[in-house]
Each structure stands twice: as structure tokens, then as C-alpha cells.
Amino acid sequence: MAAPEQPPPPPEGSKPLSALLSGIAQVAYYGNADITEELLRGQLYPEAAPEEFRALRAKMGGLLQSIASADMDLNQLEAFLTAQTKKQGGITSDQAAVIAKFWKNHRIKIHESLINQSRWDNVLKNMNWRVDLKSQSRHIDQINTPVAIVEMELGKNGQASKQVQLNPEENRCLNTCLQKWGEKKRNRSFSVWSLMRPR
């Protein structure tokens, strides 16, 4: 019985290019500032002139940015890379194969990193609200007035929630939104009490 066919060895320049893509991703998407252009050139392309390596790094970084920002699936990726191989000054078929393999292996992690980078420091983890009727008030005309009780839980991504307070501008904005909603739904004004609480 014949031995199964072994896959062909990777092209000569595929390992340095794959490592270069990893280095670009570490800087751009994982916040690793220790990986510098000089380090990448010295380790991966020591024979290349600085200008030549800078051009290669810029080209690969631009391609990776286009792929990542569109979160390309495999069909989109194939069409995009095929177009790049046909473009003057584009990439070779071997480079396209390396980029495709890299994206298949790193797509999920890079996508998650982009989502985390686009978030504010504090994220809304939970929100509850209800409408009560006032049973006591300083002013008699406010009794039985609907009151919106809003509870919002804020916290940093991956950390425990913490207690925060809405600033006056946020309170005014929230109050205005609820008032408009109340006028539209019930043709009556809503007052707001907001409470920020930890889990």
C-alpha cells in the first residue's frame, strides 16, 4: 500500500511573512508596544533595506486592516486576495496564501480585540426600569404622577461593576428622553429617579 502523499513544503518566504503578520497584529490589535519595526526587520528580513522592509510592512498592514475592518468571511477573503494578486504592485499568490491562512487562524481573536477597542471604559452591563405612581409628595398635584425608576449597572469590560453617579447633563438627557416617551405613550410627563448600583 502506497504511503499517503505529503503536502508540499511551504514556500521559502512564507514563515517570515506569517511572523510579520503576527507582529503587525500584536501591535495593532493586541496592544503589544514592544514589537518595533526594527525588531521585526532584524529578526525576519535582516537582508532587506529599511525602506524595502517599511514598504512591505505598510502593504501587509494595510491589507490586514482592510480584511479586519470588514471582518471578511472566507469567500470575501478569497475574492479580495485574488483581486490583490491581479493588481499592479499587488501581492503574489504565495503571499495571498499566507495571508489567507493567517486570517483563518486569527480572525476571531482580532475581531474580539476590535470590539473591545471600540468600547468606552465603562460599559452598560445591565439595565432595569419600571414605572411607579407617587403616593406621597410635597405638592398634591404630583400625587399619582408616574415616576420612571431606572437602574443601570456600569462596569469596565472584564472587571467587577462599580457604583457611579450620573452627572447633571446625563440626568437631564435621560429625563428628557423619558418625558418624550411618556408624552407620546400616555400624554403625561414622567419624572426620573436614576440609581447606579453594583451587582
N, C-alpha and C. Protein backbone atom coordinates (compact mmCIF):
# COMPACT_ATOMS: atom_id res chain seq x y z
N MET A 1 0.85 -1.20 0.00
CA MET A 1 0.00 0.00 0.00
C MET A 1 0.88 1.25 0.00
N ALA A 2 0.59 2.16 -0.91
CA ALA A 2 1.40 3.36 -1.05
C ALA A 2 1.18 4.31 0.12
N ALA A 3 2.27 4.94 0.53
CA ALA A 3 2.16 5.92 1.62
C ALA A 3 1.37 7.13 1.14
N PRO A 4 0.59 7.74 2.05
CA PRO A 4 -0.18 8.92 1.64
C PRO A 4 0.74 10.05 1.21
N GLU A 5 0.26 10.82 0.25
CA GLU A 5 1.04 11.94 -0.26
C GLU A 5 1.23 13.00 0.80
N GLN A 6 2.45 13.46 0.96
CA GLN A 6 2.74 14.53 1.91
C GLN A 6 2.41 15.88 1.27
N PRO A 7 1.88 16.83 2.05
CA PRO A 7 1.62 18.15 1.48
C PRO A 7 2.91 18.82 1.08
N PRO A 8 2.88 19.64 0.05
CA PRO A 8 4.12 20.32 -0.37
C PRO A 8 4.65 21.22 0.73
N PRO A 9 5.96 21.40 0.82
CA PRO A 9 6.52 22.30 1.83
C PRO A 9 6.07 23.73 1.58
N PRO A 10 6.00 24.53 2.63
CA PRO A 10 5.59 25.92 2.45
C PRO A 10 6.62 26.68 1.62
N PRO A 11 6.19 27.69 0.88
CA PRO A 11 7.15 28.49 0.10
C PRO A 11 8.23 29.08 0.99
N GLU A 12 9.34 29.41 0.38
CA GLU A 12 10.53 29.88 1.12
C GLU A 12 10.21 31.06 2.01
N GLY A 13 9.44 32.03 1.50
CA GLY A 13 9.22 33.25 2.27
C GLY A 13 7.98 33.24 3.12
N SER A 14 7.32 32.09 3.27
CA SER A 14 6.03 32.08 3.97
C SER A 14 6.19 32.25 5.48
N LYS A 15 7.24 31.67 6.06
CA LYS A 15 7.40 31.77 7.52
C LYS A 15 7.70 33.20 7.97
N PRO A 16 8.65 33.89 7.32
CA PRO A 16 8.86 35.29 7.73
C PRO A 16 7.62 36.15 7.53
N LEU A 17 6.88 35.92 6.44
CA LEU A 17 5.68 36.73 6.19
C LEU A 17 4.61 36.45 7.23
N SER A 18 4.43 35.18 7.58
CA SER A 18 3.45 34.82 8.61
C SER A 18 3.83 35.45 9.95
N ALA A 19 5.12 35.44 10.27
CA ALA A 19 5.59 36.06 11.50
C ALA A 19 5.42 37.57 11.46
N LEU A 20 5.62 38.16 10.27
CA LEU A 20 5.42 39.61 10.12
C LEU A 20 3.96 39.97 10.37
N LEU A 21 3.03 39.19 9.82
CA LEU A 21 1.60 39.44 10.05
C LEU A 21 1.27 39.32 11.53
N SER A 22 1.86 38.33 12.19
CA SER A 22 1.64 38.18 13.64
C SER A 22 2.15 39.39 14.40
N GLY A 23 3.33 39.90 13.99
CA GLY A 23 3.88 41.09 14.64
C GLY A 23 3.01 42.31 14.44
N ILE A 24 2.51 42.48 13.21
CA ILE A 24 1.61 43.61 12.93
C ILE A 24 0.34 43.50 13.78
N ALA A 25 -0.20 42.29 13.87
CA ALA A 25 -1.42 42.09 14.67
C ALA A 25 -1.16 42.34 16.15
N GLN A 26 0.01 41.94 16.63
CA GLN A 26 0.34 42.17 18.05
C GLN A 26 0.34 43.66 18.37
N VAL A 27 0.87 44.46 17.47
CA VAL A 27 0.93 45.91 17.70
C VAL A 27 -0.43 46.56 17.51
N ALA A 28 -1.09 46.23 16.40
CA ALA A 28 -2.31 46.93 16.02
C ALA A 28 -3.54 46.49 16.82
N TYR A 29 -3.61 45.21 17.18
CA TYR A 29 -4.85 44.68 17.76
C TYR A 29 -4.70 44.18 19.19
N TYR A 30 -3.47 43.87 19.61
CA TYR A 30 -3.28 43.34 20.96
C TYR A 30 -2.50 44.27 21.87
N GLY A 31 -2.15 45.45 21.37
CA GLY A 31 -1.52 46.47 22.21
C GLY A 31 -0.12 46.15 22.68
N ASN A 32 0.62 45.34 21.93
CA ASN A 32 1.98 44.99 22.32
C ASN A 32 2.95 46.01 21.72
N ALA A 33 3.34 46.98 22.54
CA ALA A 33 4.21 48.06 22.05
C ALA A 33 5.68 47.65 21.99
N ASP A 34 6.03 46.47 22.48
CA ASP A 34 7.43 46.03 22.48
C ASP A 34 7.90 45.59 21.10
N ILE A 35 6.96 45.30 20.22
CA ILE A 35 7.33 44.84 18.88
C ILE A 35 7.49 46.05 17.97
N THR A 36 8.72 46.36 17.66
CA THR A 36 9.02 47.54 16.85
C THR A 36 9.36 47.13 15.42
N GLU A 37 9.38 48.12 14.54
CA GLU A 37 9.74 47.87 13.15
C GLU A 37 11.17 47.34 13.04
N GLU A 38 12.07 47.90 13.86
CA GLU A 38 13.46 47.45 13.84
C GLU A 38 13.58 45.99 14.27
N LEU A 39 12.82 45.61 15.29
CA LEU A 39 12.85 44.24 15.78
C LEU A 39 12.36 43.27 14.70
N LEU A 40 11.25 43.61 14.06
CA LEU A 40 10.70 42.74 13.02
C LEU A 40 11.67 42.59 11.84
N ARG A 41 12.24 43.71 11.42
CA ARG A 41 13.18 43.64 10.29
C ARG A 41 14.41 42.83 10.64
N GLY A 42 14.96 43.06 11.85
CA GLY A 42 16.17 42.34 12.25
C GLY A 42 15.95 40.85 12.40
N GLN A 43 14.79 40.45 12.86
CA GLN A 43 14.51 39.03 13.09
C GLN A 43 14.02 38.31 11.83
N LEU A 44 13.25 39.02 10.99
CA LEU A 44 12.56 38.34 9.89
C LEU A 44 13.17 38.62 8.52
N TYR A 45 13.58 39.87 8.30
CA TYR A 45 14.12 40.25 7.00
C TYR A 45 15.42 41.02 7.18
N PRO A 46 16.45 40.38 7.74
CA PRO A 46 17.70 41.11 8.03
C PRO A 46 18.43 41.59 6.78
N GLU A 47 18.17 40.94 5.65
CA GLU A 47 18.85 41.32 4.41
C GLU A 47 18.17 42.49 3.72
N ALA A 48 16.93 42.80 4.10
CA ALA A 48 16.18 43.84 3.41
C ALA A 48 16.63 45.23 3.86
N ALA A 49 16.65 46.15 2.93
CA ALA A 49 16.95 47.55 3.27
C ALA A 49 15.78 48.11 4.07
N PRO A 50 16.04 49.07 4.95
CA PRO A 50 14.97 49.63 5.78
C PRO A 50 13.78 50.12 4.97
N GLU A 51 14.03 50.81 3.84
CA GLU A 51 12.93 51.32 3.01
C GLU A 51 12.12 50.18 2.40
N GLU A 52 12.82 49.14 1.98
CA GLU A 52 12.14 47.98 1.38
C GLU A 52 11.25 47.29 2.42
N PHE A 53 11.80 47.10 3.62
CA PHE A 53 11.00 46.44 4.66
C PHE A 53 9.83 47.32 5.09
N ARG A 54 10.06 48.63 5.18
CA ARG A 54 8.99 49.55 5.57
C ARG A 54 7.83 49.49 4.59
N ALA A 55 8.16 49.39 3.30
CA ALA A 55 7.12 49.30 2.27
C ALA A 55 6.35 47.99 2.39
N LEU A 56 7.05 46.89 2.64
CA LEU A 56 6.39 45.59 2.81
C LEU A 56 5.49 45.60 4.04
N ARG A 57 6.00 46.14 5.13
CA ARG A 57 5.21 46.19 6.37
C ARG A 57 3.96 47.05 6.18
N ALA A 58 4.11 48.18 5.50
CA ALA A 58 2.96 49.06 5.27
C ALA A 58 1.92 48.37 4.39
N LYS A 59 2.40 47.66 3.36
CA LYS A 59 1.48 46.96 2.46
C LYS A 59 0.71 45.88 3.21
N MET A 60 1.43 45.06 3.98
CA MET A 60 0.77 43.98 4.72
C MET A 60 -0.14 44.53 5.83
N GLY A 61 0.30 45.60 6.47
CA GLY A 61 -0.54 46.21 7.49
C GLY A 61 -1.83 46.77 6.90
N GLY A 62 -1.73 47.38 5.71
CA GLY A 62 -2.92 47.91 5.05
C GLY A 62 -3.89 46.82 4.64
N LEU A 63 -3.34 45.72 4.11
CA LEU A 63 -4.20 44.60 3.71
C LEU A 63 -4.89 43.99 4.92
N LEU A 64 -4.12 43.80 6.00
CA LEU A 64 -4.71 43.22 7.20
C LEU A 64 -5.78 44.13 7.80
N GLN A 65 -5.54 45.43 7.75
CA GLN A 65 -6.52 46.38 8.26
C GLN A 65 -7.81 46.32 7.45
N SER A 66 -7.70 46.23 6.12
CA SER A 66 -8.88 46.13 5.26
C SER A 66 -9.66 44.86 5.55
N ILE A 67 -8.94 43.74 5.71
CA ILE A 67 -9.59 42.46 5.98
C ILE A 67 -10.27 42.48 7.34
N ALA A 68 -9.56 43.02 8.35
CA ALA A 68 -10.10 43.01 9.71
C ALA A 68 -11.27 43.96 9.87
N SER A 69 -11.19 45.14 9.28
CA SER A 69 -12.26 46.12 9.45
C SER A 69 -13.55 45.64 8.79
N ALA A 70 -13.43 44.83 7.74
CA ALA A 70 -14.62 44.27 7.08
C ALA A 70 -15.01 42.93 7.68
N ASP A 71 -14.18 42.39 8.58
CA ASP A 71 -14.41 41.06 9.18
C ASP A 71 -14.78 40.06 8.08
N MET A 72 -13.90 39.94 7.10
CA MET A 72 -14.20 39.15 5.90
C MET A 72 -14.37 37.67 6.22
N ASP A 73 -15.39 37.07 5.61
CA ASP A 73 -15.53 35.62 5.67
C ASP A 73 -14.63 35.02 4.58
N LEU A 74 -14.62 33.70 4.48
CA LEU A 74 -13.67 33.05 3.58
C LEU A 74 -13.92 33.42 2.11
N ASN A 75 -15.18 33.53 1.72
CA ASN A 75 -15.47 33.89 0.33
C ASN A 75 -15.03 35.31 0.02
N GLN A 76 -15.33 36.24 0.93
CA GLN A 76 -14.91 37.63 0.73
C GLN A 76 -13.39 37.73 0.71
N LEU A 77 -12.74 36.97 1.60
CA LEU A 77 -11.28 36.98 1.67
C LEU A 77 -10.66 36.49 0.37
N GLU A 78 -11.20 35.40 -0.17
CA GLU A 78 -10.67 34.84 -1.42
C GLU A 78 -10.81 35.84 -2.56
N ALA A 79 -11.98 36.47 -2.65
CA ALA A 79 -12.20 37.46 -3.72
C ALA A 79 -11.27 38.66 -3.55
N PHE A 80 -11.10 39.11 -2.31
CA PHE A 80 -10.24 40.27 -2.04
C PHE A 80 -8.79 39.97 -2.39
N LEU A 81 -8.28 38.81 -1.96
CA LEU A 81 -6.89 38.47 -2.21
C LEU A 81 -6.64 38.20 -3.69
N THR A 82 -7.61 37.59 -4.37
CA THR A 82 -7.46 37.36 -5.81
C THR A 82 -7.33 38.69 -6.55
N ALA A 83 -8.15 39.66 -6.14
CA ALA A 83 -8.06 40.98 -6.76
C ALA A 83 -6.70 41.63 -6.50
N GLN A 84 -6.17 41.40 -5.30
CA GLN A 84 -4.87 41.99 -4.96
C GLN A 84 -3.73 41.37 -5.77
N THR A 85 -3.86 40.08 -6.11
CA THR A 85 -2.81 39.43 -6.91
C THR A 85 -2.82 39.93 -8.35
N LYS A 86 -3.98 40.41 -8.82
CA LYS A 86 -4.09 40.87 -10.20
C LYS A 86 -3.78 42.36 -10.35
N LYS A 87 -3.71 43.04 -9.21
CA LYS A 87 -3.46 44.48 -9.25
C LYS A 87 -1.98 44.76 -9.43
N GLN A 88 -1.67 45.80 -10.22
CA GLN A 88 -0.27 46.17 -10.41
C GLN A 88 0.32 46.63 -9.08
N GLY A 89 1.48 46.07 -8.74
CA GLY A 89 2.09 46.40 -7.46
C GLY A 89 1.40 45.74 -6.29
N GLY A 90 0.61 44.70 -6.56
CA GLY A 90 -0.12 43.99 -5.51
C GLY A 90 0.74 42.94 -4.83
N ILE A 91 0.14 41.79 -4.61
CA ILE A 91 0.85 40.71 -3.90
C ILE A 91 0.94 39.48 -4.79
N THR A 92 1.83 38.56 -4.40
CA THR A 92 1.98 37.32 -5.16
C THR A 92 0.96 36.30 -4.65
N SER A 93 0.82 35.22 -5.40
CA SER A 93 -0.09 34.14 -5.00
C SER A 93 0.37 33.50 -3.69
N ASP A 94 1.70 33.37 -3.54
CA ASP A 94 2.23 32.80 -2.29
C ASP A 94 1.91 33.69 -1.10
N GLN A 95 2.05 35.00 -1.27
CA GLN A 95 1.72 35.93 -0.19
C GLN A 95 0.23 35.88 0.13
N ALA A 96 -0.61 35.76 -0.89
CA ALA A 96 -2.05 35.66 -0.67
C ALA A 96 -2.39 34.42 0.14
N ALA A 97 -1.71 33.31 -0.15
CA ALA A 97 -1.97 32.07 0.59
C ALA A 97 -1.58 32.22 2.06
N VAL A 98 -0.47 32.90 2.33
CA VAL A 98 -0.03 33.11 3.71
C VAL A 98 -1.03 34.00 4.45
N ILE A 99 -1.47 35.07 3.80
CA ILE A 99 -2.44 35.98 4.42
C ILE A 99 -3.75 35.25 4.72
N ALA A 100 -4.21 34.43 3.76
CA ALA A 100 -5.45 33.67 3.95
C ALA A 100 -5.34 32.73 5.14
N LYS A 101 -4.23 32.02 5.25
CA LYS A 101 -4.05 31.09 6.36
C LYS A 101 -3.99 31.85 7.69
N PHE A 102 -3.29 32.98 7.69
CA PHE A 102 -3.18 33.77 8.92
C PHE A 102 -4.56 34.26 9.36
N TRP A 103 -5.36 34.76 8.43
CA TRP A 103 -6.68 35.29 8.79
C TRP A 103 -7.61 34.18 9.30
N LYS A 104 -7.54 33.02 8.70
CA LYS A 104 -8.37 31.89 9.17
C LYS A 104 -8.04 31.55 10.62
N ASN A 105 -6.77 31.64 10.99
CA ASN A 105 -6.35 31.28 12.35
C ASN A 105 -6.58 32.39 13.37
N HIS A 106 -6.63 33.64 12.91
CA HIS A 106 -6.66 34.77 13.85
C HIS A 106 -7.92 35.62 13.76
N ARG A 107 -8.82 35.27 12.89
CA ARG A 107 -9.99 36.12 12.67
C ARG A 107 -10.78 36.39 13.95
N ILE A 108 -11.09 35.35 14.70
CA ILE A 108 -11.94 35.51 15.90
C ILE A 108 -11.26 36.41 16.93
N LYS A 109 -9.99 36.17 17.19
CA LYS A 109 -9.27 36.96 18.20
C LYS A 109 -9.15 38.43 17.79
N ILE A 110 -8.87 38.67 16.52
CA ILE A 110 -8.74 40.05 16.06
C ILE A 110 -10.10 40.75 16.11
N HIS A 111 -11.16 40.04 15.73
CA HIS A 111 -12.50 40.63 15.77
C HIS A 111 -12.88 41.00 17.21
N GLU A 112 -12.59 40.11 18.16
CA GLU A 112 -12.88 40.40 19.57
C GLU A 112 -12.07 41.59 20.06
N SER A 113 -10.81 41.68 19.62
CA SER A 113 -9.97 42.80 20.02
C SER A 113 -10.52 44.12 19.48
N LEU A 114 -10.99 44.12 18.24
CA LEU A 114 -11.57 45.34 17.66
C LEU A 114 -12.82 45.76 18.41
N ILE A 115 -13.64 44.80 18.81
CA ILE A 115 -14.85 45.12 19.58
C ILE A 115 -14.46 45.74 20.91
N ASN A 116 -13.49 45.16 21.59
CA ASN A 116 -13.06 45.70 22.89
C ASN A 116 -12.46 47.09 22.75
N GLN A 117 -11.71 47.34 21.66
CA GLN A 117 -11.12 48.66 21.45
C GLN A 117 -12.17 49.71 21.18
N SER A 118 -13.31 49.31 20.62
CA SER A 118 -14.35 50.28 20.27
C SER A 118 -15.25 50.63 21.45
N ARG A 119 -15.10 49.92 22.57
CA ARG A 119 -15.93 50.20 23.73
C ARG A 119 -15.36 51.34 24.56
N TRP A 120 -16.27 52.04 25.26
CA TRP A 120 -15.83 53.02 26.24
C TRP A 120 -15.25 52.28 27.43
N ASP A 121 -14.59 53.05 28.33
CA ASP A 121 -14.04 52.43 29.52
C ASP A 121 -15.13 51.74 30.34
N ASN A 122 -16.25 52.43 30.52
CA ASN A 122 -17.37 51.84 31.24
C ASN A 122 -18.41 51.34 30.24
N VAL A 123 -18.86 50.11 30.42
CA VAL A 123 -19.88 49.56 29.55
C VAL A 123 -21.14 49.31 30.35
N LEU A 124 -22.27 49.37 29.69
CA LEU A 124 -23.54 49.10 30.34
C LEU A 124 -23.71 47.59 30.42
N LYS A 125 -23.70 47.06 31.65
CA LYS A 125 -23.81 45.62 31.84
C LYS A 125 -25.25 45.17 32.04
N ASN A 126 -26.05 46.05 32.61
CA ASN A 126 -27.43 45.66 32.88
C ASN A 126 -28.25 46.93 33.07
N MET A 127 -29.52 46.86 32.70
CA MET A 127 -30.42 47.99 32.94
C MET A 127 -31.81 47.46 33.25
N ASN A 128 -32.42 47.98 34.30
CA ASN A 128 -33.79 47.65 34.66
C ASN A 128 -34.56 48.95 34.85
N TRP A 129 -35.83 48.95 34.52
CA TRP A 129 -36.64 50.13 34.77
C TRP A 129 -38.08 49.72 35.00
N ARG A 130 -38.78 50.57 35.72
CA ARG A 130 -40.20 50.35 35.96
C ARG A 130 -40.86 51.71 36.16
N VAL A 131 -42.16 51.74 36.08
CA VAL A 131 -42.92 52.97 36.28
C VAL A 131 -43.79 52.79 37.52
N ASP A 132 -43.61 53.66 38.51
CA ASP A 132 -44.41 53.66 39.73
C ASP A 132 -45.30 54.90 39.76
N LEU A 133 -46.27 54.89 40.67
CA LEU A 133 -47.10 56.07 40.91
C LEU A 133 -46.74 56.65 42.27
N LYS A 134 -46.55 57.96 42.32
CA LYS A 134 -46.24 58.61 43.59
C LYS A 134 -47.46 58.55 44.51
N SER A 135 -47.22 58.08 45.74
CA SER A 135 -48.32 58.07 46.72
C SER A 135 -48.17 59.20 47.73
N GLN A 136 -46.94 59.78 47.81
CA GLN A 136 -46.70 60.91 48.70
C GLN A 136 -45.88 61.95 47.96
N SER A 137 -46.15 63.21 48.23
CA SER A 137 -45.41 64.29 47.59
C SER A 137 -45.63 65.57 48.37
N ARG A 138 -44.69 66.52 48.23
CA ARG A 138 -44.86 67.83 48.86
C ARG A 138 -46.03 68.58 48.23
N HIS A 139 -46.22 68.33 46.94
CA HIS A 139 -47.26 69.04 46.21
C HIS A 139 -48.37 68.05 45.85
N ILE A 140 -49.58 68.40 46.16
CA ILE A 140 -50.70 67.49 45.96
C ILE A 140 -50.92 67.13 44.50
N ASP A 141 -50.57 68.06 43.59
CA ASP A 141 -50.80 67.77 42.18
C ASP A 141 -49.83 66.74 41.62
N GLN A 142 -48.77 66.37 42.42
CA GLN A 142 -47.82 65.36 41.96
C GLN A 142 -48.19 63.95 42.44
N ILE A 143 -49.19 63.83 43.31
CA ILE A 143 -49.62 62.51 43.75
C ILE A 143 -50.25 61.78 42.56
N ASN A 144 -49.98 60.49 42.47
CA ASN A 144 -50.42 59.63 41.36
C ASN A 144 -49.78 60.00 40.03
N THR A 145 -48.67 60.74 40.10
CA THR A 145 -47.92 61.05 38.88
C THR A 145 -46.96 59.89 38.57
N PRO A 146 -46.91 59.40 37.33
CA PRO A 146 -45.97 58.31 37.01
C PRO A 146 -44.52 58.73 37.22
N VAL A 147 -43.75 57.84 37.83
CA VAL A 147 -42.32 58.08 38.06
C VAL A 147 -41.55 56.91 37.46
N ALA A 148 -40.60 57.20 36.58
CA ALA A 148 -39.77 56.14 36.00
C ALA A 148 -38.59 55.87 36.91
N ILE A 149 -38.45 54.63 37.36
CA ILE A 149 -37.31 54.20 38.18
C ILE A 149 -36.35 53.47 37.26
N VAL A 150 -35.15 54.03 37.09
CA VAL A 150 -34.17 53.46 36.17
C VAL A 150 -32.95 53.01 36.95
N GLU A 151 -32.56 51.75 36.81
CA GLU A 151 -31.37 51.21 37.44
C GLU A 151 -30.41 50.76 36.34
N MET A 152 -29.23 51.34 36.34
CA MET A 152 -28.23 50.97 35.34
C MET A 152 -26.96 50.50 36.04
N GLU A 153 -26.43 49.40 35.57
CA GLU A 153 -25.22 48.83 36.15
C GLU A 153 -24.08 49.01 35.17
N LEU A 154 -23.08 49.78 35.58
CA LEU A 154 -21.93 50.04 34.73
C LEU A 154 -20.69 49.36 35.28
N GLY A 155 -19.79 49.00 34.40
CA GLY A 155 -18.53 48.41 34.83
C GLY A 155 -17.59 48.31 33.65
N LYS A 156 -16.31 48.19 33.94
CA LYS A 156 -15.32 48.02 32.88
C LYS A 156 -15.39 46.59 32.38
N ASN A 157 -15.10 46.44 31.09
CA ASN A 157 -15.15 45.12 30.48
C ASN A 157 -14.17 44.18 31.19
N GLY A 158 -14.69 43.04 31.65
CA GLY A 158 -13.85 42.06 32.32
C GLY A 158 -13.59 42.35 33.78
N GLN A 159 -14.19 43.41 34.34
CA GLN A 159 -13.99 43.74 35.74
C GLN A 159 -15.33 43.80 36.44
N ALA A 160 -15.27 43.75 37.76
CA ALA A 160 -16.49 43.85 38.54
C ALA A 160 -17.10 45.23 38.39
N SER A 161 -18.41 45.29 38.54
CA SER A 161 -19.10 46.57 38.42
C SER A 161 -18.76 47.47 39.59
N LYS A 162 -18.94 48.75 39.38
CA LYS A 162 -18.69 49.69 40.45
C LYS A 162 -19.82 50.71 40.49
N GLN A 163 -19.97 51.35 41.63
CA GLN A 163 -21.04 52.32 41.78
C GLN A 163 -20.62 53.66 41.21
N VAL A 164 -21.46 54.20 40.34
CA VAL A 164 -21.18 55.51 39.74
C VAL A 164 -22.46 56.33 39.79
N GLN A 165 -22.31 57.62 39.55
CA GLN A 165 -23.47 58.50 39.55
C GLN A 165 -23.56 59.22 38.21
N LEU A 166 -24.79 59.40 37.75
CA LEU A 166 -24.98 60.19 36.55
C LEU A 166 -24.65 61.65 36.83
N ASN A 167 -23.98 62.30 35.88
CA ASN A 167 -23.75 63.73 36.06
C ASN A 167 -25.03 64.49 35.69
N PRO A 168 -25.12 65.78 36.03
CA PRO A 168 -26.37 66.53 35.77
C PRO A 168 -26.80 66.51 34.31
N GLU A 169 -25.85 66.60 33.40
CA GLU A 169 -26.21 66.60 31.97
C GLU A 169 -26.82 65.27 31.56
N GLU A 170 -26.25 64.15 32.08
CA GLU A 170 -26.81 62.83 31.77
C GLU A 170 -28.21 62.69 32.36
N ASN A 171 -28.39 63.23 33.58
CA ASN A 171 -29.71 63.18 34.20
C ASN A 171 -30.73 63.95 33.36
N ARG A 172 -30.34 65.13 32.89
CA ARG A 172 -31.26 65.94 32.08
C ARG A 172 -31.61 65.23 30.79
N CYS A 173 -30.61 64.62 30.17
CA CYS A 173 -30.84 63.91 28.92
C CYS A 173 -31.80 62.74 29.13
N LEU A 174 -31.53 61.95 30.17
CA LEU A 174 -32.39 60.80 30.46
C LEU A 174 -33.80 61.25 30.78
N ASN A 175 -33.92 62.32 31.57
CA ASN A 175 -35.23 62.84 31.93
C ASN A 175 -36.01 63.30 30.70
N THR A 176 -35.31 63.99 29.78
CA THR A 176 -35.96 64.47 28.56
C THR A 176 -36.45 63.30 27.70
N CYS A 177 -35.61 62.27 27.57
CA CYS A 177 -36.00 61.11 26.77
C CYS A 177 -37.24 60.43 27.34
N LEU A 178 -37.25 60.26 28.65
CA LEU A 178 -38.39 59.59 29.27
C LEU A 178 -39.64 60.46 29.21
N GLN A 179 -39.45 61.76 29.34
CA GLN A 179 -40.61 62.64 29.24
C GLN A 179 -41.24 62.56 27.85
N LYS A 180 -40.39 62.58 26.82
CA LYS A 180 -40.92 62.50 25.47
C LYS A 180 -41.61 61.17 25.25
N TRP A 181 -40.99 60.10 25.77
CA TRP A 181 -41.62 58.78 25.64
C TRP A 181 -42.96 58.76 26.36
N GLY A 182 -42.99 59.35 27.56
CA GLY A 182 -44.23 59.35 28.32
C GLY A 182 -45.32 60.17 27.66
N GLU A 183 -44.93 61.33 27.10
CA GLU A 183 -45.92 62.16 26.42
C GLU A 183 -46.49 61.47 25.20
N LYS A 184 -45.63 60.72 24.52
CA LYS A 184 -46.08 60.04 23.32
C LYS A 184 -47.01 58.88 23.67
N LYS A 185 -46.64 58.13 24.72
CA LYS A 185 -47.40 56.93 25.05
C LYS A 185 -48.65 57.23 25.88
N ARG A 186 -48.52 58.16 26.83
CA ARG A 186 -49.61 58.40 27.76
C ARG A 186 -50.08 59.85 27.78
N ASN A 187 -49.38 60.69 27.02
CA ASN A 187 -49.66 62.12 27.01
C ASN A 187 -49.52 62.72 28.40
N ARG A 188 -48.60 62.16 29.20
CA ARG A 188 -48.35 62.66 30.55
C ARG A 188 -46.84 62.68 30.76
N SER A 189 -46.37 63.63 31.61
CA SER A 189 -44.93 63.78 31.86
C SER A 189 -44.46 62.72 32.85
N PHE A 190 -43.19 62.36 32.69
CA PHE A 190 -42.55 61.44 33.63
C PHE A 190 -41.41 62.17 34.33
N SER A 191 -41.27 61.97 35.62
CA SER A 191 -40.07 62.41 36.33
C SER A 191 -39.17 61.21 36.49
N VAL A 192 -37.90 61.47 36.74
CA VAL A 192 -36.93 60.38 36.73
C VAL A 192 -36.13 60.34 38.02
N TRP A 193 -35.98 59.13 38.54
CA TRP A 193 -35.01 58.90 39.60
C TRP A 193 -34.07 57.82 39.09
N SER A 194 -32.79 58.13 38.99
CA SER A 194 -31.85 57.15 38.46
C SER A 194 -30.94 56.68 39.57
N LEU A 195 -30.68 55.39 39.56
CA LEU A 195 -29.84 54.76 40.59
C LEU A 195 -28.79 53.91 39.90
N MET A 196 -27.52 54.16 40.18
CA MET A 196 -26.45 53.35 39.64
C MET A 196 -25.98 52.45 40.78
N ARG A 197 -25.99 51.16 40.58
CA ARG A 197 -25.65 50.27 41.67
C ARG A 197 -24.75 49.14 41.19
N PRO A 198 -23.89 48.62 42.06
CA PRO A 198 -23.07 47.47 41.69
C PRO A 198 -23.89 46.20 41.72
N ARG A 199 -23.37 45.18 41.07
CA ARG A 199 -24.05 43.89 41.10
C ARG A 199 -24.03 43.32 42.49
